[in-house]
């Protein structure tokens, strides 16, 4: 299946890892006033339809991961910030809110390589991924309150899933900025890496995931997401079903034989 045609992002696929680079350094990879929401949604839907991608890695070109929304556009009431209450809510639903919905339905693990500033919706984009890594000096912030708005992209839900309600409330009510070192202490990012090695270290993690049995990996991602919204009985029923699928795959038998024979497994996604 051909890769999607993107406007403001670059998609590279290697070793079953799809690397999506937000490529609007001229506007700090903002998510409003660009085609990045479209590009992210197209990429997710393409990955879900193809069987040769096992991990999505998202990073930014230039000095920023993503600056989120454009405050100059907000002030000028343009590029999605114009209109009455009904029109603005429609633009949010049909615009930036497509990103959390897309990443919520992504069937493979996702990793954010936070190479620079991740502010407002930029931080929320990173938090929509399964794992986050950053540089020590990358500035982050749930900064919507500083410009008199709320996290309209779903960040009020996503952030507290990661750090808990109390810490999410403090970060959101204050709108303060914090660097990668504190982000690790807060649990926002998993590890911090040197700037010149960030992408390669993230790719190493991505490749280690992508080396696992493809079907089991996708089912595991679906299972972890289901656990956030299901009662334990229903969840266990789903576990049993997914386990039945896994036990009937060729990759399961290959994994068992490879373990017994003390060799590297060769998975075929079947």
C-alpha atoms as a PDB file:
ATOM      1  CA  UNK A   1       0.000   0.000   0.000  1.00  0.00           C
ATOM      2  CA  UNK A   2       1.397   3.370  -1.042  1.00  0.00           C
ATOM      3  CA  UNK A   3       2.354   5.833   1.692  1.00  0.00           C
ATOM      4  CA  UNK A   4       0.012   8.792   2.198  1.00  0.00           C
ATOM      5  CA  UNK A   5       0.832  12.083   0.512  1.00  0.00           C
ATOM      6  CA  UNK A   6       1.628  14.563   3.274  1.00  0.00           C
ATOM      7  CA  UNK A   7       1.845  18.366   3.103  1.00  0.00           C
ATOM      8  CA  UNK A   8       3.671  19.602   6.203  1.00  0.00           C
ATOM      9  CA  UNK A   9       5.297  16.424   7.505  1.00  0.00           C
ATOM     10  CA  UNK A  10       7.772  13.837   6.245  1.00  0.00           C
ATOM     11  CA  UNK A  11       7.146  10.104   6.620  1.00  0.00           C
ATOM     12  CA  UNK A  12      10.007   7.613   6.519  1.00  0.00           C
ATOM     13  CA  UNK A  13       9.603   3.866   7.009  1.00  0.00           C
ATOM     14  CA  UNK A  14      12.512   1.575   7.883  1.00  0.00           C
ATOM     15  CA  UNK A  15      12.764  -1.663   9.898  1.00  0.00           C
ATOM     16  CA  UNK A  16       8.978  -1.608  10.487  1.00  0.00           C
ATOM     17  CA  UNK A  17       9.271   1.819  12.162  1.00  0.00           C
ATOM     18  CA  UNK A  18       7.413   4.781  10.657  1.00  0.00           C
ATOM     19  CA  UNK A  19       9.080   8.085  11.570  1.00  0.00           C
ATOM     20  CA  UNK A  20       6.801  11.099  11.158  1.00  0.00           C
ATOM     21  CA  UNK A  21       8.709  14.399  11.239  1.00  0.00           C
ATOM     22  CA  UNK A  22       6.654  17.556  11.696  1.00  0.00           C
ATOM     23  CA  UNK A  23       8.264  19.732   9.032  1.00  0.00           C
ATOM     24  CA  UNK A  24       7.126  23.317   9.662  1.00  0.00           C
ATOM     25  CA  UNK A  25      10.103  24.734  11.524  1.00  0.00           C
ATOM     26  CA  UNK A  26       9.174  28.151  10.073  1.00  0.00           C
ATOM     27  CA  UNK A  27       6.216  28.244  12.484  1.00  0.00           C
ATOM     28  CA  UNK A  28       7.750  25.970  15.158  1.00  0.00           C
ATOM     29  CA  UNK A  29       5.642  23.040  13.951  1.00  0.00           C
ATOM     30  CA  UNK A  30       2.418  24.615  15.175  1.00  0.00           C
ATOM     31  CA  UNK A  31      -0.657  22.421  14.906  1.00  0.00           C
ATOM     32  CA  UNK A  32      -3.045  25.206  13.889  1.00  0.00           C
ATOM     33  CA  UNK A  33      -2.659  27.079  10.623  1.00  0.00           C
ATOM     34  CA  UNK A  34      -0.785  24.121   9.095  1.00  0.00           C
ATOM     35  CA  UNK A  35      -1.743  20.794   7.546  1.00  0.00           C
ATOM     36  CA  UNK A  36      -0.162  18.808  10.394  1.00  0.00           C
ATOM     37  CA  UNK A  37      -3.485  17.613  11.822  1.00  0.00           C
ATOM     38  CA  UNK A  38      -4.352  16.229   8.380  1.00  0.00           C
ATOM     39  CA  UNK A  39      -0.909  14.671   8.040  1.00  0.00           C
ATOM     40  CA  UNK A  40      -1.061  12.962  11.439  1.00  0.00           C
ATOM     41  CA  UNK A  41      -4.553  11.598  10.766  1.00  0.00           C
ATOM     42  CA  UNK A  42      -3.571  10.322   7.317  1.00  0.00           C
ATOM     43  CA  UNK A  43      -0.477   8.649   8.740  1.00  0.00           C
ATOM     44  CA  UNK A  44      -2.389   6.887  11.518  1.00  0.00           C
ATOM     45  CA  UNK A  45      -5.095   5.631   9.181  1.00  0.00           C
ATOM     46  CA  UNK A  46      -2.473   4.384   6.715  1.00  0.00           C
ATOM     47  CA  UNK A  47      -0.556   2.535   9.446  1.00  0.00           C
ATOM     48  CA  UNK A  48      -3.770   0.877  10.623  1.00  0.00           C
ATOM     49  CA  UNK A  49      -4.426  -0.370   7.087  1.00  0.00           C
ATOM     50  CA  UNK A  50      -0.931  -1.672   6.358  1.00  0.00           C
ATOM     51  CA  UNK A  51       0.808  -4.648   7.917  1.00  0.00           C
ATOM     52  CA  UNK A  52       4.462  -3.672   7.480  1.00  0.00           C
ATOM     53  CA  UNK A  53       4.615  -0.963  10.179  1.00  0.00           C
ATOM     54  CA  UNK A  54       4.835  -1.883  13.877  1.00  0.00           C
ATOM     55  CA  UNK A  55       5.760   1.424  15.571  1.00  0.00           C
ATOM     56  CA  UNK A  56       5.111   5.135  14.956  1.00  0.00           C
ATOM     57  CA  UNK A  57       7.781   7.639  16.033  1.00  0.00           C
ATOM     58  CA  UNK A  58       6.873  11.346  16.003  1.00  0.00           C
ATOM     59  CA  UNK A  59       9.423  14.151  16.190  1.00  0.00           C
ATOM     60  CA  UNK A  60       9.855  17.727  14.990  1.00  0.00           C
ATOM     61  CA  UNK A  61      12.134  19.320  12.439  1.00  0.00           C
ATOM     62  CA  UNK A  62      14.258  22.232  13.614  1.00  0.00           C
ATOM     63  CA  UNK A  63      14.378  23.566  17.160  1.00  0.00           C
ATOM     64  CA  UNK A  64      10.844  22.705  18.303  1.00  0.00           C
ATOM     65  CA  UNK A  65       8.776  19.593  18.710  1.00  0.00           C
ATOM     66  CA  UNK A  66       5.599  21.664  18.411  1.00  0.00           C
ATOM     67  CA  UNK A  67       4.569  25.095  19.633  1.00  0.00           C
ATOM     68  CA  UNK A  68       0.908  24.055  19.623  1.00  0.00           C
ATOM     69  CA  UNK A  69      -1.422  26.856  18.549  1.00  0.00           C
ATOM     70  CA  UNK A  70      -0.527  30.177  16.945  1.00  0.00           C
ATOM     71  CA  UNK A  71      -1.392  33.002  19.353  1.00  0.00           C
ATOM     72  CA  UNK A  72      -1.076  35.606  16.570  1.00  0.00           C
ATOM     73  CA  UNK A  73      -3.834  33.781  14.696  1.00  0.00           C
ATOM     74  CA  UNK A  74      -5.902  33.694  17.893  1.00  0.00           C
ATOM     75  CA  UNK A  75      -5.575  37.452  18.293  1.00  0.00           C
ATOM     76  CA  UNK A  76      -6.339  38.104  14.628  1.00  0.00           C
ATOM     77  CA  UNK A  77      -9.280  35.640  14.681  1.00  0.00           C
ATOM     78  CA  UNK A  78      -8.058  33.632  11.689  1.00  0.00           C
ATOM     79  CA  UNK A  79      -7.046  30.083  10.696  1.00  0.00           C
ATOM     80  CA  UNK A  80      -9.753  28.405  12.724  1.00  0.00           C
ATOM     81  CA  UNK A  81     -10.108  30.928  15.559  1.00  0.00           C
ATOM     82  CA  UNK A  82     -12.784  33.063  13.912  1.00  0.00           C
ATOM     83  CA  UNK A  83     -16.556  32.867  14.193  1.00  0.00           C
ATOM     84  CA  UNK A  84     -19.193  32.566  16.892  1.00  0.00           C
ATOM     85  CA  UNK A  85     -19.292  29.923  19.615  1.00  0.00           C
ATOM     86  CA  UNK A  86     -20.893  27.305  17.350  1.00  0.00           C
ATOM     87  CA  UNK A  87     -18.413  27.905  14.530  1.00  0.00           C
ATOM     88  CA  UNK A  88     -15.337  27.740  16.776  1.00  0.00           C
ATOM     89  CA  UNK A  89     -16.480  24.497  18.426  1.00  0.00           C
ATOM     90  CA  UNK A  90     -17.085  23.039  14.964  1.00  0.00           C
ATOM     91  CA  UNK A  91     -13.593  24.051  13.856  1.00  0.00           C
ATOM     92  CA  UNK A  92     -12.025  22.440  16.950  1.00  0.00           C
ATOM     93  CA  UNK A  93     -13.938  19.211  16.390  1.00  0.00           C
ATOM     94  CA  UNK A  94     -13.073  19.103  12.702  1.00  0.00           C
ATOM     95  CA  UNK A  95      -9.550  20.430  13.226  1.00  0.00           C
ATOM     96  CA  UNK A  96      -7.120  19.807  16.072  1.00  0.00           C
ATOM     97  CA  UNK A  97      -9.381  17.330  17.900  1.00  0.00           C
ATOM     98  CA  UNK A  98      -8.863  14.883  15.045  1.00  0.00           C
ATOM     99  CA  UNK A  99      -5.321  14.344  16.397  1.00  0.00           C
ATOM    100  CA  UNK A 100      -6.238  12.764  19.776  1.00  0.00           C
ATOM    101  CA  UNK A 101      -8.971  10.711  18.111  1.00  0.00           C
ATOM    102  CA  UNK A 102      -6.499   9.470  15.494  1.00  0.00           C
ATOM    103  CA  UNK A 103      -3.791   8.562  17.999  1.00  0.00           C
ATOM    104  CA  UNK A 104      -6.387   6.892  20.237  1.00  0.00           C
ATOM    105  CA  UNK A 105      -7.251   4.502  17.401  1.00  0.00           C
ATOM    106  CA  UNK A 106      -3.640   3.906  16.351  1.00  0.00           C
ATOM    107  CA  UNK A 107      -3.069   0.147  16.499  1.00  0.00           C
ATOM    108  CA  UNK A 108       0.713   0.202  17.013  1.00  0.00           C
ATOM    109  CA  UNK A 109       2.905   1.639  19.797  1.00  0.00           C
ATOM    110  CA  UNK A 110       3.721   5.338  19.427  1.00  0.00           C
ATOM    111  CA  UNK A 111       6.783   7.234  20.650  1.00  0.00           C
ATOM    112  CA  UNK A 112       7.351  10.997  20.883  1.00  0.00           C
ATOM    113  CA  UNK A 113      10.936  12.208  20.473  1.00  0.00           C
ATOM    114  CA  UNK A 114      10.653  15.684  22.011  1.00  0.00           C
ATOM    115  CA  UNK A 115      13.566  17.460  20.340  1.00  0.00           C
ATOM    116  CA  UNK A 116      12.670  20.953  21.558  1.00  0.00           C
ATOM    117  CA  UNK A 117       9.796  23.074  22.840  1.00  0.00           C
ATOM    118  CA  UNK A 118       6.507  21.218  23.319  1.00  0.00           C
ATOM    119  CA  UNK A 119       4.075  23.900  24.406  1.00  0.00           C
ATOM    120  CA  UNK A 120       0.299  23.711  24.856  1.00  0.00           C
ATOM    121  CA  UNK A 121      -1.083  21.444  22.157  1.00  0.00           C
ATOM    122  CA  UNK A 122       2.506  20.462  21.382  1.00  0.00           C
ATOM    123  CA  UNK A 123       2.871  18.914  24.834  1.00  0.00           C
ATOM    124  CA  UNK A 124      -0.543  17.321  24.465  1.00  0.00           C
ATOM    125  CA  UNK A 125       0.499  15.753  21.158  1.00  0.00           C
ATOM    126  CA  UNK A 126       3.476  14.160  22.908  1.00  0.00           C
ATOM    127  CA  UNK A 127       1.221  12.970  25.741  1.00  0.00           C
ATOM    128  CA  UNK A 128      -1.055  11.280  23.211  1.00  0.00           C
ATOM    129  CA  UNK A 129       1.821   8.915  22.421  1.00  0.00           C
ATOM    130  CA  UNK A 130       2.516   5.776  24.450  1.00  0.00           C
ATOM    131  CA  UNK A 131       6.072   6.796  25.373  1.00  0.00           C
ATOM    132  CA  UNK A 132       7.924  10.109  25.463  1.00  0.00           C
ATOM    133  CA  UNK A 133      11.654  10.871  25.417  1.00  0.00           C
ATOM    134  CA  UNK A 134      13.200  14.335  25.388  1.00  0.00           C
ATOM    135  CA  UNK A 135      16.351  16.376  25.661  1.00  0.00           C
ATOM    136  CA  UNK A 136      17.240  17.868  29.057  1.00  0.00           C
ATOM    137  CA  UNK A 137      16.631  21.433  27.867  1.00  0.00           C
ATOM    138  CA  UNK A 138      13.358  20.850  25.994  1.00  0.00           C
ATOM    139  CA  UNK A 139      10.759  23.266  27.386  1.00  0.00           C
ATOM    140  CA  UNK A 140       7.258  21.955  27.960  1.00  0.00           C
ATOM    141  CA  UNK A 141       4.095  23.362  29.412  1.00  0.00           C
ATOM    142  CA  UNK A 142       0.327  22.903  29.614  1.00  0.00           C
ATOM    143  CA  UNK A 143       0.168  26.622  29.001  1.00  0.00           C
ATOM    144  CA  UNK A 144      -3.373  27.290  27.743  1.00  0.00           C
ATOM    145  CA  UNK A 145      -4.405  29.234  30.865  1.00  0.00           C
ATOM    146  CA  UNK A 146      -1.679  31.793  30.105  1.00  0.00           C
ATOM    147  CA  UNK A 147      -3.588  32.961  27.029  1.00  0.00           C
ATOM    148  CA  UNK A 148      -7.036  32.675  28.595  1.00  0.00           C
ATOM    149  CA  UNK A 149      -8.200  29.393  27.105  1.00  0.00           C
ATOM    150  CA  UNK A 150      -8.565  25.735  28.124  1.00  0.00           C
ATOM    151  CA  UNK A 151      -6.875  22.649  26.616  1.00  0.00           C
ATOM    152  CA  UNK A 152      -9.313  22.338  23.715  1.00  0.00           C
ATOM    153  CA  UNK A 153      -7.417  19.458  22.166  1.00  0.00           C
ATOM    154  CA  UNK A 154      -8.125  16.986  24.975  1.00  0.00           C
ATOM    155  CA  UNK A 155      -5.049  17.656  27.084  1.00  0.00           C
ATOM    156  CA  UNK A 156      -7.181  17.909  30.216  1.00  0.00           C
ATOM    157  CA  UNK A 157      -7.905  14.192  29.817  1.00  0.00           C
ATOM    158  CA  UNK A 158      -4.542  12.999  28.510  1.00  0.00           C
ATOM    159  CA  UNK A 159      -2.164  14.651  30.976  1.00  0.00           C
ATOM    160  CA  UNK A 160      -3.863  13.319  34.108  1.00  0.00           C
ATOM    161  CA  UNK A 161      -3.747   9.806  32.649  1.00  0.00           C
ATOM    162  CA  UNK A 162       0.046  10.149  32.789  1.00  0.00           C
ATOM    163  CA  UNK A 163       0.794  12.113  35.960  1.00  0.00           C
ATOM    164  CA  UNK A 164      -2.412  11.787  37.974  1.00  0.00           C
ATOM    165  CA  UNK A 165      -5.094  14.363  38.717  1.00  0.00           C
ATOM    166  CA  UNK A 166      -3.306  16.447  41.343  1.00  0.00           C
ATOM    167  CA  UNK A 167      -0.114  17.017  39.355  1.00  0.00           C
ATOM    168  CA  UNK A 168      -2.047  17.571  36.126  1.00  0.00           C
ATOM    169  CA  UNK A 169      -4.172  20.154  37.924  1.00  0.00           C
ATOM    170  CA  UNK A 170      -1.080  22.010  39.176  1.00  0.00           C
ATOM    171  CA  UNK A 171       0.524  22.073  35.728  1.00  0.00           C
ATOM    172  CA  UNK A 172      -2.702  23.124  34.005  1.00  0.00           C
ATOM    173  CA  UNK A 173      -3.819  25.744  36.554  1.00  0.00           C
ATOM    174  CA  UNK A 174      -0.372  27.359  36.641  1.00  0.00           C
ATOM    175  CA  UNK A 175       0.503  27.041  32.958  1.00  0.00           C
ATOM    176  CA  UNK A 176       4.140  26.990  33.996  1.00  0.00           C
ATOM    177  CA  UNK A 177       6.978  25.760  31.820  1.00  0.00           C
ATOM    178  CA  UNK A 178       9.310  22.942  32.828  1.00  0.00           C
ATOM    179  CA  UNK A 179      12.327  21.354  31.189  1.00  0.00           C
ATOM    180  CA  UNK A 180      13.119  17.783  30.271  1.00  0.00           C
ATOM    181  CA  UNK A 181      14.814  17.064  33.609  1.00  0.00           C
ATOM    182  CA  UNK A 182      11.687  17.968  35.568  1.00  0.00           C
ATOM    183  CA  UNK A 183       9.541  16.253  32.942  1.00  0.00           C
ATOM    184  CA  UNK A 184      11.287  12.998  33.794  1.00  0.00           C
ATOM    185  CA  UNK A 185      10.802  13.603  37.524  1.00  0.00           C
ATOM    186  CA  UNK A 186       7.097  14.232  36.904  1.00  0.00           C
ATOM    187  CA  UNK A 187       6.750  11.126  34.763  1.00  0.00           C
ATOM    188  CA  UNK A 188       5.867  13.128  31.654  1.00  0.00           C
ATOM    189  CA  UNK A 189       8.859  11.659  29.824  1.00  0.00           C
ATOM    190  CA  UNK A 190      10.453   8.266  30.361  1.00  0.00           C
ATOM    191  CA  UNK A 191      14.087   9.216  29.744  1.00  0.00           C
ATOM    192  CA  UNK A 192      16.167  12.193  28.656  1.00  0.00           C
ATOM    193  CA  UNK A 193      18.887  11.933  26.019  1.00  0.00           C
ATOM    194  CA  UNK A 194      21.527  14.226  24.533  1.00  0.00           C
ATOM    195  CA  UNK A 195      20.223  16.304  21.637  1.00  0.00           C
ATOM    196  CA  UNK A 196      22.542  14.761  19.061  1.00  0.00           C
ATOM    197  CA  UNK A 197      21.538  11.220  20.060  1.00  0.00           C
ATOM    198  CA  UNK A 198      17.826  11.692  20.847  1.00  0.00           C
ATOM    199  CA  UNK A 199      16.427  10.461  17.557  1.00  0.00           C
ATOM    200  CA  UNK A 200      18.754   7.481  17.300  1.00  0.00           C
ATOM    201  CA  UNK A 201      18.056   6.420  20.895  1.00  0.00           C
ATOM    202  CA  UNK A 202      14.316   6.684  20.245  1.00  0.00           C
ATOM    203  CA  UNK A 203      14.741   4.657  17.063  1.00  0.00           C
ATOM    204  CA  UNK A 204      16.546   1.994  19.084  1.00  0.00           C
ATOM    205  CA  UNK A 205      13.539   1.707  21.371  1.00  0.00           C
ATOM    206  CA  UNK A 206      11.175   1.721  18.399  1.00  0.00           C
ATOM    207  CA  UNK A 207      13.151  -0.998  16.608  1.00  0.00           C
ATOM    208  CA  UNK A 208      13.175  -3.156  19.750  1.00  0.00           C
ATOM    209  CA  UNK A 209       9.351  -3.000  19.790  1.00  0.00           C
ATOM    210  CA  UNK A 210       9.125  -3.532  16.035  1.00  0.00           C
ATOM    211  CA  UNK A 211      11.218  -6.702  16.333  1.00  0.00           C
ATOM    212  CA  UNK A 212       8.419  -8.401  18.275  1.00  0.00           C
ATOM    213  CA  UNK A 213       5.661 -10.523  16.662  1.00  0.00           C
ATOM    214  CA  UNK A 214       3.608  -7.960  14.684  1.00  0.00           C
ATOM    215  CA  UNK A 215       0.144  -9.340  15.418  1.00  0.00           C
ATOM    216  CA  UNK A 216       0.818  -9.836  19.120  1.00  0.00           C
ATOM    217  CA  UNK A 217       2.245  -6.305  19.327  1.00  0.00           C
ATOM    218  CA  UNK A 218      -0.873  -4.745  17.816  1.00  0.00           C
ATOM    219  CA  UNK A 219      -3.162  -6.825  20.007  1.00  0.00           C
ATOM    220  CA  UNK A 220      -1.133  -5.825  23.080  1.00  0.00           C
ATOM    221  CA  UNK A 221      -1.517  -2.125  22.168  1.00  0.00           C
ATOM    222  CA  UNK A 222      -5.281  -2.583  21.788  1.00  0.00           C
ATOM    223  CA  UNK A 223      -5.400  -4.447  25.099  1.00  0.00           C
ATOM    224  CA  UNK A 224      -3.583  -1.727  27.037  1.00  0.00           C
ATOM    225  CA  UNK A 225      -5.913   0.929  25.630  1.00  0.00           C
ATOM    226  CA  UNK A 226      -8.987  -1.167  26.395  1.00  0.00           C
ATOM    227  CA  UNK A 227      -7.892  -1.477  30.027  1.00  0.00           C
ATOM    228  CA  UNK A 228      -8.404   2.281  30.443  1.00  0.00           C
ATOM    229  CA  UNK A 229     -12.127   2.077  29.754  1.00  0.00           C
ATOM    230  CA  UNK A 230     -13.344  -1.468  30.578  1.00  0.00           C
ATOM    231  CA  UNK A 231     -14.537  -3.199  33.710  1.00  0.00           C
ATOM    232  CA  UNK A 232     -12.300  -6.065  34.801  1.00  0.00           C
ATOM    233  CA  UNK A 233     -14.720  -8.826  33.762  1.00  0.00           C
ATOM    234  CA  UNK A 234     -15.163  -7.462  30.256  1.00  0.00           C
ATOM    235  CA  UNK A 235     -11.431  -6.845  30.046  1.00  0.00           C
ATOM    236  CA  UNK A 236     -10.620 -10.442  30.979  1.00  0.00           C
ATOM    237  CA  UNK A 237     -13.018 -11.656  28.288  1.00  0.00           C
ATOM    238  CA  UNK A 238     -11.106  -9.587  25.757  1.00  0.00           C
ATOM    239  CA  UNK A 239      -7.790 -10.942  27.088  1.00  0.00           C
ATOM    240  CA  UNK A 240      -9.041 -14.500  26.554  1.00  0.00           C
ATOM    241  CA  UNK A 241     -10.135 -13.714  22.997  1.00  0.00           C
ATOM    242  CA  UNK A 242      -6.862 -12.000  22.065  1.00  0.00           C
ATOM    243  CA  UNK A 243      -4.901 -14.846  23.651  1.00  0.00           C
ATOM    244  CA  UNK A 244      -6.821 -17.334  21.539  1.00  0.00           C
ATOM    245  CA  UNK A 245      -5.784 -15.384  18.459  1.00  0.00           C
ATOM    246  CA  UNK A 246      -2.129 -15.320  19.519  1.00  0.00           C
ATOM    247  CA  UNK A 247      -1.974 -19.044  20.299  1.00  0.00           C
ATOM    248  CA  UNK A 248      -3.087 -19.717  16.723  1.00  0.00           C
ATOM    249  CA  UNK A 249      -0.404 -17.634  14.990  1.00  0.00           C
ATOM    250  CA  UNK A 250       2.698 -18.943  13.248  1.00  0.00           C
ATOM    251  CA  UNK A 251       4.741 -16.275  15.039  1.00  0.00           C
ATOM    252  CA  UNK A 252       3.809 -17.787  18.413  1.00  0.00           C
ATOM    253  CA  UNK A 253       5.183 -21.168  17.364  1.00  0.00           C
ATOM    254  CA  UNK A 254       8.286 -19.500  15.930  1.00  0.00           C
ATOM    255  CA  UNK A 255       8.843 -17.630  19.223  1.00  0.00           C
ATOM    256  CA  UNK A 256       8.599 -20.871  21.205  1.00  0.00           C
ATOM    257  CA  UNK A 257      10.981 -22.731  18.889  1.00  0.00           C
ATOM    258  CA  UNK A 258      13.457 -19.837  18.887  1.00  0.00           C
ATOM    259  CA  UNK A 259      13.450 -19.753  22.697  1.00  0.00           C
ATOM    260  CA  UNK A 260      14.058 -23.490  22.959  1.00  0.00           C
ATOM    261  CA  UNK A 261      16.730 -23.440  20.253  1.00  0.00           C
ATOM    262  CA  UNK A 262      18.411 -20.329  21.719  1.00  0.00           C
ATOM    263  CA  UNK A 263      18.330 -18.365  18.455  1.00  0.00           C
ATOM    264  CA  UNK A 264      16.824 -15.135  17.172  1.00  0.00           C
ATOM    265  CA  UNK A 265      13.229 -15.519  16.051  1.00  0.00           C
ATOM    266  CA  UNK A 266      12.153 -14.634  12.516  1.00  0.00           C
ATOM    267  CA  UNK A 267       8.596 -13.298  12.526  1.00  0.00           C
ATOM    268  CA  UNK A 268       6.371 -13.099   9.450  1.00  0.00           C
ATOM    269  CA  UNK A 269       3.332 -11.396  10.875  1.00  0.00           C
ATOM    270  CA  UNK A 270       1.184 -14.480  10.509  1.00  0.00           C
END
